[in-house]
Amino acid sequence: MLGIMANYGAFLAFMFFTVDVIIQMHHIHKRKSSADISILGSVIRALAAFVLLLKYYLIGDVFLEIGQTTFFVFMIGYITMIIYYKKKKS
């Protein structure tokens, strides 16, 4: 029972991280600017997310795989928006 609760808890944590990235993406899109956001910091977060994604696939935990994959995909979208609006501004 505790293992099931931990799995769902981990999945929910990834969803919360993903919702946070979606909110930030909405904020960037609304302002049409990513001037105050560090590309380097976002890329480092995406690389860390990718390393964890590989680890979760090796472990074979489906909940962690789904959550981390979703988070990683949205991080890539987030970085794409940052780069797009930084280039658009210059």
Protein backbone atom coordinates (compact mmCIF):
# COMPACT_ATOMS: atom_id res chain seq x y z
CA MET A 1 0.00 0.00 0.00
CA LEU A 2 2.81 2.40 0.90
CA GLY A 3 4.55 1.62 -2.40
CA ILE A 4 1.40 2.48 -4.37
CA MET A 5 0.99 5.75 -2.48
CA ALA A 6 4.66 6.58 -3.14
CA ASN A 7 4.21 5.87 -6.86
CA TYR A 8 1.17 8.12 -7.13
CA GLY A 9 2.89 10.76 -5.00
CA ALA A 10 5.93 10.77 -7.31
CA PHE A 11 3.66 10.99 -10.34
CA LEU A 12 1.79 13.94 -8.81
CA ALA A 13 5.08 15.67 -7.98
CA PHE A 14 6.14 15.43 -11.63
CA MET A 15 2.78 16.78 -12.71
CA PHE A 16 3.18 19.74 -10.35
CA PHE A 17 6.64 20.44 -11.82
CA THR A 18 5.14 20.24 -15.29
CA VAL A 19 2.28 22.59 -14.40
CA ASP A 20 4.85 25.06 -13.10
CA VAL A 21 6.69 24.95 -16.45
CA ILE A 22 3.38 25.39 -18.31
CA ILE A 23 2.58 28.46 -16.20
CA GLN A 24 6.02 29.90 -16.96
CA MET A 25 5.51 29.19 -20.68
CA HIS A 26 2.17 30.99 -20.55
CA HIS A 27 3.84 33.93 -18.83
CA ILE A 28 6.54 34.12 -21.52
CA HIS A 29 3.96 33.91 -24.29
CA LYS A 30 1.75 36.55 -22.68
CA ARG A 31 4.64 39.00 -22.22
CA LYS A 32 6.23 38.08 -25.57
CA SER A 33 9.58 38.23 -23.79
CA SER A 34 12.02 35.92 -22.09
CA ALA A 35 14.55 38.61 -21.23
CA ASP A 36 14.67 37.80 -17.51
CA ILE A 37 15.09 34.03 -17.95
CA SER A 38 18.46 32.28 -18.09
CA ILE A 39 18.83 29.94 -21.05
CA LEU A 40 21.82 28.28 -19.41
CA GLY A 41 19.90 27.54 -16.20
CA SER A 42 17.00 26.10 -18.18
CA VAL A 43 19.29 23.93 -20.30
CA ILE A 44 21.00 22.61 -17.16
CA ARG A 45 17.58 21.72 -15.70
CA ALA A 46 16.64 19.96 -18.95
CA LEU A 47 19.91 17.99 -18.97
CA ALA A 48 19.33 16.95 -15.36
CA ALA A 49 15.77 15.92 -16.26
CA PHE A 50 17.15 13.84 -19.15
CA VAL A 51 19.68 12.07 -16.90
CA LEU A 52 16.92 11.24 -14.43
CA LEU A 53 14.72 10.07 -17.30
CA LEU A 54 17.42 7.61 -18.40
CA LYS A 55 17.79 6.38 -14.82
CA TYR A 56 14.04 5.82 -14.45
CA TYR A 57 13.93 3.86 -17.70
CA LEU A 58 16.77 1.66 -16.46
CA ILE A 59 14.93 1.10 -13.18
CA GLY A 60 11.71 0.34 -15.05
CA ASP A 61 9.35 2.33 -12.82
CA VAL A 62 6.42 3.27 -15.07
CA PHE A 63 5.15 6.11 -12.87
CA LEU A 64 8.55 7.78 -12.76
CA GLU A 65 9.04 7.23 -16.50
CA ILE A 66 5.73 8.86 -17.39
CA GLY A 67 6.20 11.77 -15.02
CA GLN A 68 9.80 12.47 -16.03
CA THR A 69 9.06 12.09 -19.75
CA THR A 70 6.22 14.60 -19.49
CA PHE A 71 8.38 17.01 -17.53
CA PHE A 72 11.28 16.66 -20.00
CA VAL A 73 9.04 17.28 -23.02
CA PHE A 74 7.66 20.45 -21.46
CA MET A 75 11.18 21.58 -20.51
CA ILE A 76 12.18 21.29 -24.17
CA GLY A 77 9.13 23.37 -25.13
CA TYR A 78 10.03 25.89 -22.44
CA ILE A 79 13.60 26.24 -23.71
CA THR A 80 12.31 26.56 -27.27
CA MET A 81 10.06 29.44 -26.22
CA ILE A 82 12.91 31.15 -24.35
CA ILE A 83 15.17 30.97 -27.40
CA TYR A 84 12.37 32.05 -29.76
CA TYR A 85 11.50 35.17 -27.77
CA LYS A 86 15.16 36.06 -27.12
CA LYS A 87 15.88 35.92 -30.87
CA LYS A 88 12.65 37.75 -31.71
CA LYS A 89 13.61 40.61 -29.41
CA SER A 90 17.08 41.08 -30.94
